[in-house]
All heavy atoms as atom14 arrays in JSON, in Angstrom:
{
  "sequence": "DQFANFVKYSVCRPRPCCDTDMLFAGLNALFPQKTVSYG",
  "atom14_mask": [
    [1, 1, 1, 1, 1, 1, 1, 1, 0, 0, 0, 0, 0, 0],
    [1, 1, 1, 1, 1, 1, 1, 1, 1, 0, 0, 0, 0, 0],
    [1, 1, 1, 1, 1, 1, 1, 1, 1, 1, 1, 0, 0, 0],
    [1, 1, 1, 1, 1, 0, 0, 0, 0, 0, 0, 0, 0, 0],
    [1, 1, 1, 1, 1, 1, 1, 1, 0, 0, 0, 0, 0, 0],
    [1, 1, 1, 1, 1, 1, 1, 1, 1, 1, 1, 0, 0, 0],
    [1, 1, 1, 1, 1, 1, 1, 0, 0, 0, 0, 0, 0, 0],
    [1, 1, 1, 1, 1, 1, 1, 1, 1, 0, 0, 0, 0, 0],
    [1, 1, 1, 1, 1, 1, 1, 1, 1, 1, 1, 1, 0, 0],
    [1, 1, 1, 1, 1, 1, 0, 0, 0, 0, 0, 0, 0, 0],
    [1, 1, 1, 1, 1, 1, 1, 0, 0, 0, 0, 0, 0, 0],
    [1, 1, 1, 1, 1, 1, 0, 0, 0, 0, 0, 0, 0, 0],
    [1, 1, 1, 1, 1, 1, 1, 1, 1, 1, 1, 0, 0, 0],
    [1, 1, 1, 1, 1, 1, 1, 0, 0, 0, 0, 0, 0, 0],
    [1, 1, 1, 1, 1, 1, 1, 1, 1, 1, 1, 0, 0, 0],
    [1, 1, 1, 1, 1, 1, 1, 0, 0, 0, 0, 0, 0, 0],
    [1, 1, 1, 1, 1, 1, 0, 0, 0, 0, 0, 0, 0, 0],
    [1, 1, 1, 1, 1, 1, 0, 0, 0, 0, 0, 0, 0, 0],
    [1, 1, 1, 1, 1, 1, 1, 1, 0, 0, 0, 0, 0, 0],
    [1, 1, 1, 1, 1, 1, 1, 0, 0, 0, 0, 0, 0, 0],
    [1, 1, 1, 1, 1, 1, 1, 1, 0, 0, 0, 0, 0, 0],
    [1, 1, 1, 1, 1, 1, 1, 1, 0, 0, 0, 0, 0, 0],
    [1, 1, 1, 1, 1, 1, 1, 1, 0, 0, 0, 0, 0, 0],
    [1, 1, 1, 1, 1, 1, 1, 1, 1, 1, 1, 0, 0, 0],
    [1, 1, 1, 1, 1, 0, 0, 0, 0, 0, 0, 0, 0, 0],
    [1, 1, 1, 1, 0, 0, 0, 0, 0, 0, 0, 0, 0, 0],
    [1, 1, 1, 1, 1, 1, 1, 1, 0, 0, 0, 0, 0, 0],
    [1, 1, 1, 1, 1, 1, 1, 1, 0, 0, 0, 0, 0, 0],
    [1, 1, 1, 1, 1, 0, 0, 0, 0, 0, 0, 0, 0, 0],
    [1, 1, 1, 1, 1, 1, 1, 1, 0, 0, 0, 0, 0, 0],
    [1, 1, 1, 1, 1, 1, 1, 1, 1, 1, 1, 0, 0, 0],
    [1, 1, 1, 1, 1, 1, 1, 0, 0, 0, 0, 0, 0, 0],
    [1, 1, 1, 1, 1, 1, 1, 1, 1, 0, 0, 0, 0, 0],
    [1, 1, 1, 1, 1, 1, 1, 1, 1, 0, 0, 0, 0, 0],
    [1, 1, 1, 1, 1, 1, 1, 0, 0, 0, 0, 0, 0, 0],
    [1, 1, 1, 1, 1, 1, 1, 0, 0, 0, 0, 0, 0, 0],
    [1, 1, 1, 1, 1, 1, 0, 0, 0, 0, 0, 0, 0, 0],
    [1, 1, 1, 1, 1, 1, 1, 1, 1, 1, 1, 1, 0, 0],
    [1, 1, 1, 1, 0, 0, 0, 0, 0, 0, 0, 0, 0, 0]
  ],
  "atom14_positions": [
    [[-17.2, 1.56, 1.66], [-16.21, 0.76, 0.78], [-15.95, 1.48, -0.46], [-14.72, 1.66, -0.92], [-16.84, -0.6, 0.67], [-15.83, -1.53, -0.03], [-14.76, -1.81, 0.61], [-16.02, -1.93, -1.25], [0.0, 0.0, 0.0], [0.0, 0.0, 0.0], [0.0, 0.0, 0.0], [0.0, 0.0, 0.0], [0.0, 0.0, 0.0], [0.0, 0.0, 0.0]],
    [[-16.95, 1.89, -1.14], [-16.78, 2.51, -2.44], [-16.13, 3.86, -2.36], [-15.32, 4.22, -3.3], [-18.16, 2.65, -3.19], [-18.79, 1.3, -3.51], [-17.84, 0.47, -4.43], [-17.33, 0.99, -5.44], [-17.58, -0.74, -3.98], [0.0, 0.0, 0.0], [0.0, 0.0, 0.0], [0.0, 0.0, 0.0], [0.0, 0.0, 0.0], [0.0, 0.0, 0.0]],
    [[-16.44, 4.63, -1.27], [-15.79, 5.89, -1.15], [-14.3, 5.69, -0.82], [-13.46, 6.5, -1.29], [-16.47, 6.8, -0.06], [-15.94, 8.16, 0.01], [-16.15, 9.06, -0.98], [-15.29, 8.53, 1.2], [-15.59, 10.4, -0.86], [-14.8, 9.84, 1.42], [-14.95, 10.72, 0.31], [0.0, 0.0, 0.0], [0.0, 0.0, 0.0], [0.0, 0.0, 0.0]],
    [[-13.94, 4.79, 0.06], [-12.59, 4.45, 0.29], [-11.86, 4.02, -1.03], [-10.68, 4.54, -1.23], [-12.53, 3.26, 1.25], [0.0, 0.0, 0.0], [0.0, 0.0, 0.0], [0.0, 0.0, 0.0], [0.0, 0.0, 0.0], [0.0, 0.0, 0.0], [0.0, 0.0, 0.0], [0.0, 0.0, 0.0], [0.0, 0.0, 0.0], [0.0, 0.0, 0.0]],
    [[-12.48, 3.25, -1.83], [-11.84, 2.91, -3.15], [-11.58, 4.1, -4.11], [-10.58, 4.16, -4.73], [-12.7, 1.83, -3.9], [-12.55, 0.49, -3.23], [-11.51, 0.12, -2.53], [-13.55, -0.39, -3.4], [0.0, 0.0, 0.0], [0.0, 0.0, 0.0], [0.0, 0.0, 0.0], [0.0, 0.0, 0.0], [0.0, 0.0, 0.0], [0.0, 0.0, 0.0]],
    [[-12.59, 4.92, -4.11], [-12.5, 6.16, -4.87], [-11.38, 7.0, -4.42], [-10.54, 7.48, -5.23], [-13.85, 7.01, -4.83], [-13.77, 8.31, -5.41], [-13.77, 8.44, -6.82], [-13.61, 9.49, -4.61], [-13.72, 9.72, -7.36], [-13.46, 10.74, -5.23], [-13.61, 10.83, -6.59], [0.0, 0.0, 0.0], [0.0, 0.0, 0.0], [0.0, 0.0, 0.0]],
    [[-11.22, 7.19, -3.16], [-10.1, 8.03, -2.61], [-8.81, 7.3, -2.86], [-7.76, 8.06, -3.22], [-10.27, 8.28, -1.01], [-9.04, 9.04, -0.56], [-11.56, 9.1, -0.89], [0.0, 0.0, 0.0], [0.0, 0.0, 0.0], [0.0, 0.0, 0.0], [0.0, 0.0, 0.0], [0.0, 0.0, 0.0], [0.0, 0.0, 0.0], [0.0, 0.0, 0.0]],
    [[-8.76, 5.97, -2.73], [-7.5, 5.3, -2.91], [-6.95, 5.52, -4.3], [-5.67, 5.74, -4.44], [-7.68, 3.76, -2.69], [-7.79, 3.37, -1.24], [-8.08, 1.81, -1.19], [-8.3, 1.36, 0.27], [-8.64, -0.01, 0.37], [0.0, 0.0, 0.0], [0.0, 0.0, 0.0], [0.0, 0.0, 0.0], [0.0, 0.0, 0.0], [0.0, 0.0, 0.0]],
    [[-7.81, 5.5, -5.29], [-7.34, 5.59, -6.63], [-7.29, 6.98, -7.11], [-6.86, 7.28, -8.31], [-8.24, 4.73, -7.58], [-8.0, 3.29, -7.38], [-8.81, 2.47, -6.61], [-6.83, 2.68, -8.01], [-8.56, 1.09, -6.43], [-6.64, 1.25, -7.83], [-7.51, 0.54, -7.02], [-7.2, -0.77, -6.81], [0.0, 0.0, 0.0], [0.0, 0.0, 0.0]],
    [[-7.64, 7.94, -6.26], [-7.51, 9.33, -6.62], [-6.24, 9.89, -5.95], [-5.48, 10.57, -6.56], [-8.65, 10.15, -5.98], [-9.86, 9.85, -6.6], [0.0, 0.0, 0.0], [0.0, 0.0, 0.0], [0.0, 0.0, 0.0], [0.0, 0.0, 0.0], [0.0, 0.0, 0.0], [0.0, 0.0, 0.0], [0.0, 0.0, 0.0], [0.0, 0.0, 0.0]],
    [[-5.91, 9.4, -4.77], [-4.74, 9.78, -4.01], [-3.5, 8.96, -4.57], [-2.24, 9.45, -4.57], [-4.92, 9.67, -2.51], [-3.51, 10.02, -1.78], [-6.01, 10.62, -2.12], [0.0, 0.0, 0.0], [0.0, 0.0, 0.0], [0.0, 0.0, 0.0], [0.0, 0.0, 0.0], [0.0, 0.0, 0.0], [0.0, 0.0, 0.0], [0.0, 0.0, 0.0]],
    [[-3.6, 7.68, -4.71], [-2.67, 6.71, -5.29], [-1.43, 6.71, -4.26], [-0.31, 6.76, -4.69], [-2.19, 7.14, -6.63], [-3.42, 6.98, -7.88], [0.0, 0.0, 0.0], [0.0, 0.0, 0.0], [0.0, 0.0, 0.0], [0.0, 0.0, 0.0], [0.0, 0.0, 0.0], [0.0, 0.0, 0.0], [0.0, 0.0, 0.0], [0.0, 0.0, 0.0]],
    [[-1.68, 6.56, -3.04], [-0.59, 6.37, -1.99], [-0.36, 4.91, -1.84], [-1.29, 4.22, -1.38], [-1.01, 7.03, -0.67], [0.08, 7.04, 0.4], [-0.42, 7.4, 1.72], [0.73, 7.52, 2.7], [0.46, 7.7, 4.0], [-0.73, 7.67, 4.47], [1.53, 7.89, 4.83], [0.0, 0.0, 0.0], [0.0, 0.0, 0.0], [0.0, 0.0, 0.0]],
    [[0.84, 4.42, -2.14], [1.14, 3.0, -2.08], [0.96, 2.5, -0.51], [1.23, 3.25, 0.37], [2.63, 2.82, -2.55], [2.69, 4.08, -3.41], [1.96, 5.19, -2.78], [0.0, 0.0, 0.0], [0.0, 0.0, 0.0], [0.0, 0.0, 0.0], [0.0, 0.0, 0.0], [0.0, 0.0, 0.0], [0.0, 0.0, 0.0], [0.0, 0.0, 0.0]],
    [[0.54, 1.23, -0.38], [0.53, 0.74, 0.98], [1.99, 0.59, 1.45], [2.9, 0.47, 0.68], [-0.1, -0.75, 0.86], [-1.5, -0.75, 0.36], [-2.03, -2.26, 0.34], [-3.41, -2.32, -0.3], [-4.43, -2.16, 0.35], [-4.49, -1.96, 1.69], [-5.61, -2.3, -0.21], [0.0, 0.0, 0.0], [0.0, 0.0, 0.0], [0.0, 0.0, 0.0]],
    [[2.09, 0.58, 2.85], [3.43, 0.5, 3.37], [4.16, -0.88, 2.9], [5.39, -0.8, 2.69], [3.17, 0.46, 4.89], [1.67, 0.24, 5.07], [1.01, 0.75, 3.87], [0.0, 0.0, 0.0], [0.0, 0.0, 0.0], [0.0, 0.0, 0.0], [0.0, 0.0, 0.0], [0.0, 0.0, 0.0], [0.0, 0.0, 0.0], [0.0, 0.0, 0.0]],
    [[3.47, -1.9, 2.64], [4.05, -3.14, 2.27], [4.48, -3.0, 0.78], [5.29, -4.0, 0.27], [3.12, -4.35, 2.39], [1.59, -4.2, 1.45], [0.0, 0.0, 0.0], [0.0, 0.0, 0.0], [0.0, 0.0, 0.0], [0.0, 0.0, 0.0], [0.0, 0.0, 0.0], [0.0, 0.0, 0.0], [0.0, 0.0, 0.0], [0.0, 0.0, 0.0]],
    [[4.2, -1.98, 0.13], [4.6, -1.78, -1.28], [5.69, -0.73, -1.31], [6.19, -0.33, -2.44], [3.42, -1.33, -2.16], [2.06, -2.56, -2.33], [0.0, 0.0, 0.0], [0.0, 0.0, 0.0], [0.0, 0.0, 0.0], [0.0, 0.0, 0.0], [0.0, 0.0, 0.0], [0.0, 0.0, 0.0], [0.0, 0.0, 0.0], [0.0, 0.0, 0.0]],
    [[6.16, -0.21, -0.18], [7.09, 0.86, -0.06], [8.47, 0.2, 0.31], [8.55, -0.32, 1.49], [6.68, 1.88, 1.02], [7.55, 3.15, 1.02], [8.76, 2.99, 0.77], [7.01, 4.2, 1.33], [0.0, 0.0, 0.0], [0.0, 0.0, 0.0], [0.0, 0.0, 0.0], [0.0, 0.0, 0.0], [0.0, 0.0, 0.0], [0.0, 0.0, 0.0]],
    [[9.4, 0.34, -0.57], [10.71, -0.3, -0.3], [11.45, 0.34, 0.96], [12.13, -0.41, 1.69], [11.58, -0.28, -1.51], [11.74, 1.11, -1.87], [11.1, -1.06, -2.66], [0.0, 0.0, 0.0], [0.0, 0.0, 0.0], [0.0, 0.0, 0.0], [0.0, 0.0, 0.0], [0.0, 0.0, 0.0], [0.0, 0.0, 0.0], [0.0, 0.0, 0.0]],
    [[11.12, 1.58, 1.17], [11.74, 2.24, 2.35], [11.15, 1.67, 3.61], [11.95, 1.48, 4.61], [11.61, 3.75, 2.27], [12.38, 4.46, 1.16], [13.42, 3.8, 0.72], [12.0, 5.56, 0.69], [0.0, 0.0, 0.0], [0.0, 0.0, 0.0], [0.0, 0.0, 0.0], [0.0, 0.0, 0.0], [0.0, 0.0, 0.0], [0.0, 0.0, 0.0]],
    [[9.89, 1.46, 3.64], [9.27, 0.94, 4.88], [9.76, -0.54, 5.1], [10.03, -0.92, 6.18], [7.77, 0.96, 4.63], [7.17, 2.3, 4.73], [7.33, 3.12, 6.31], [6.03, 2.2, 7.25], [0.0, 0.0, 0.0], [0.0, 0.0, 0.0], [0.0, 0.0, 0.0], [0.0, 0.0, 0.0], [0.0, 0.0, 0.0], [0.0, 0.0, 0.0]],
    [[9.84, -1.31, 4.0], [10.32, -2.72, 4.11], [11.76, -2.75, 4.6], [12.09, -3.59, 5.52], [10.17, -3.41, 2.8], [8.77, -3.69, 2.36], [8.77, -4.22, 0.89], [7.98, -4.62, 3.3], [0.0, 0.0, 0.0], [0.0, 0.0, 0.0], [0.0, 0.0, 0.0], [0.0, 0.0, 0.0], [0.0, 0.0, 0.0], [0.0, 0.0, 0.0]],
    [[12.55, -1.88, 4.05], [13.94, -1.71, 4.55], [14.08, -1.3, 5.97], [15.0, -1.73, 6.68], [14.75, -0.76, 3.58], [16.21, -0.61, 3.91], [17.03, -1.67, 3.52], [16.72, 0.47, 4.58], [18.41, -1.57, 3.83], [18.02, 0.53, 4.86], [18.91, -0.49, 4.53], [0.0, 0.0, 0.0], [0.0, 0.0, 0.0], [0.0, 0.0, 0.0]],
    [[13.12, -0.51, 6.44], [13.11, -0.05, 7.83], [12.61, -1.19, 8.87], [12.57, -0.91, 9.97], [12.31, 1.19, 8.06], [0.0, 0.0, 0.0], [0.0, 0.0, 0.0], [0.0, 0.0, 0.0], [0.0, 0.0, 0.0], [0.0, 0.0, 0.0], [0.0, 0.0, 0.0], [0.0, 0.0, 0.0], [0.0, 0.0, 0.0], [0.0, 0.0, 0.0]],
    [[12.16, -2.31, 8.26], [11.84, -3.33, 9.11], [10.32, -3.68, 9.17], [9.8, -4.39, 10.16], [0.0, 0.0, 0.0], [0.0, 0.0, 0.0], [0.0, 0.0, 0.0], [0.0, 0.0, 0.0], [0.0, 0.0, 0.0], [0.0, 0.0, 0.0], [0.0, 0.0, 0.0], [0.0, 0.0, 0.0], [0.0, 0.0, 0.0], [0.0, 0.0, 0.0]],
    [[9.59, -3.16, 8.22], [8.08, -3.33, 8.27], [7.8, -4.86, 8.19], [8.37, -5.55, 7.25], [7.42, -2.65, 7.12], [5.97, -2.85, 7.06], [5.23, -1.94, 7.94], [5.36, -2.58, 5.6], [0.0, 0.0, 0.0], [0.0, 0.0, 0.0], [0.0, 0.0, 0.0], [0.0, 0.0, 0.0], [0.0, 0.0, 0.0], [0.0, 0.0, 0.0]],
    [[6.89, -5.36, 9.04], [6.47, -6.76, 8.98], [5.21, -6.87, 8.09], [4.14, -6.5, 8.41], [6.18, -7.23, 10.44], [5.77, -8.66, 10.45], [6.39, -9.49, 9.81], [4.75, -8.91, 11.25], [0.0, 0.0, 0.0], [0.0, 0.0, 0.0], [0.0, 0.0, 0.0], [0.0, 0.0, 0.0], [0.0, 0.0, 0.0], [0.0, 0.0, 0.0]],
    [[5.43, -7.41, 6.87], [4.37, -7.47, 5.91], [3.87, -8.97, 5.9], [4.54, -9.92, 5.43], [4.98, -7.13, 4.49], [0.0, 0.0, 0.0], [0.0, 0.0, 0.0], [0.0, 0.0, 0.0], [0.0, 0.0, 0.0], [0.0, 0.0, 0.0], [0.0, 0.0, 0.0], [0.0, 0.0, 0.0], [0.0, 0.0, 0.0], [0.0, 0.0, 0.0]],
    [[2.67, -9.17, 6.39], [2.05, -10.42, 6.47], [1.24, -10.85, 5.22], [1.1, -12.02, 4.99], [1.11, -10.47, 7.61], [1.76, -10.22, 8.98], [0.77, -10.33, 10.1], [2.89, -11.2, 9.36], [0.0, 0.0, 0.0], [0.0, 0.0, 0.0], [0.0, 0.0, 0.0], [0.0, 0.0, 0.0], [0.0, 0.0, 0.0], [0.0, 0.0, 0.0]],
    [[0.96, -9.88, 4.36], [0.32, -10.16, 3.12], [1.14, -9.43, 1.94], [0.82, -8.44, 1.51], [-1.1, -9.6, 3.09], [-1.99, -10.09, 4.12], [-2.6, -9.35, 5.08], [-2.31, -11.51, 4.07], [-3.37, -9.93, 6.03], [-3.2, -12.12, 4.99], [-3.71, -11.23, 6.03], [0.0, 0.0, 0.0], [0.0, 0.0, 0.0], [0.0, 0.0, 0.0]],
    [[2.26, -10.11, 1.58], [3.15, -9.64, 0.53], [2.32, -9.34, -0.66], [1.57, -10.12, -1.15], [4.16, -10.69, 0.35], [4.1, -11.48, 1.65], [2.72, -11.47, 2.08], [0.0, 0.0, 0.0], [0.0, 0.0, 0.0], [0.0, 0.0, 0.0], [0.0, 0.0, 0.0], [0.0, 0.0, 0.0], [0.0, 0.0, 0.0], [0.0, 0.0, 0.0]],
    [[2.62, -8.15, -1.37], [1.97, -7.69, -2.49], [2.86, -7.9, -3.77], [4.01, -7.49, -3.7], [1.6, -6.28, -2.44], [0.68, -5.9, -1.17], [-0.74, -6.39, -1.4], [-1.48, -5.75, -2.18], [-1.08, -7.36, -0.69], [0.0, 0.0, 0.0], [0.0, 0.0, 0.0], [0.0, 0.0, 0.0], [0.0, 0.0, 0.0], [0.0, 0.0, 0.0]],
    [[2.38, -8.59, -4.77], [3.05, -8.82, -5.91], [3.15, -7.58, -6.94], [4.05, -7.35, -7.59], [2.51, -10.02, -6.67], [2.67, -11.31, -5.99], [2.1, -12.48, -6.77], [2.21, -13.77, -6.07], [1.7, -14.91, -6.85], [0.0, 0.0, 0.0], [0.0, 0.0, 0.0], [0.0, 0.0, 0.0], [0.0, 0.0, 0.0], [0.0, 0.0, 0.0]],
    [[2.09, -6.75, -6.75], [2.01, -5.5, -7.48], [1.7, -4.31, -6.54], [1.23, -4.61, -5.42], [1.01, -5.59, -8.66], [-0.26, -5.78, -8.03], [1.29, -6.62, -9.61], [0.0, 0.0, 0.0], [0.0, 0.0, 0.0], [0.0, 0.0, 0.0], [0.0, 0.0, 0.0], [0.0, 0.0, 0.0], [0.0, 0.0, 0.0], [0.0, 0.0, 0.0]],
    [[2.02, -3.13, -6.96], [1.71, -1.95, -6.04], [0.28, -1.76, -5.94], [-0.45, -1.8, -7.0], [2.4, -0.73, -6.65], [2.02, 0.53, -5.85], [3.95, -0.86, -6.66], [0.0, 0.0, 0.0], [0.0, 0.0, 0.0], [0.0, 0.0, 0.0], [0.0, 0.0, 0.0], [0.0, 0.0, 0.0], [0.0, 0.0, 0.0], [0.0, 0.0, 0.0]],
    [[-0.29, -1.56, -4.75], [-1.7, -1.26, -4.52], [-1.7, -0.06, -3.59], [-0.81, 0.23, -2.87], [-2.44, -2.46, -3.99], [-1.97, -2.92, -2.84], [0.0, 0.0, 0.0], [0.0, 0.0, 0.0], [0.0, 0.0, 0.0], [0.0, 0.0, 0.0], [0.0, 0.0, 0.0], [0.0, 0.0, 0.0], [0.0, 0.0, 0.0], [0.0, 0.0, 0.0]],
    [[-2.9, 0.53, -3.53], [-3.06, 1.81, -2.77], [-3.77, 1.58, -1.5], [-4.65, 0.75, -1.38], [-3.7, 2.88, -3.6], [-2.95, 3.05, -4.95], [-3.62, 2.9, -6.12], [-1.51, 3.34, -4.96], [-2.98, 3.02, -7.43], [-0.91, 3.47, -6.29], [-1.61, 3.31, -7.44], [-0.91, 3.47, -8.62], [0.0, 0.0, 0.0], [0.0, 0.0, 0.0]],
    [[-3.4, 2.47, -0.48], [-4.0, 2.16, 0.79], [-4.67, 3.35, 1.51], [-5.11, 3.2, 2.61], [0.0, 0.0, 0.0], [0.0, 0.0, 0.0], [0.0, 0.0, 0.0], [0.0, 0.0, 0.0], [0.0, 0.0, 0.0], [0.0, 0.0, 0.0], [0.0, 0.0, 0.0], [0.0, 0.0, 0.0], [0.0, 0.0, 0.0], [0.0, 0.0, 0.0]]
  ]
}
């Protein structure tokens, strides 16, 4: 868990539900994010 968190905040790749291109392409986001988080 901690290593995953370390890599998330080192790489800073947004989750698909935070990516407007993915949402526009039809991504089904079951847990909408109010702010950008990393995945």
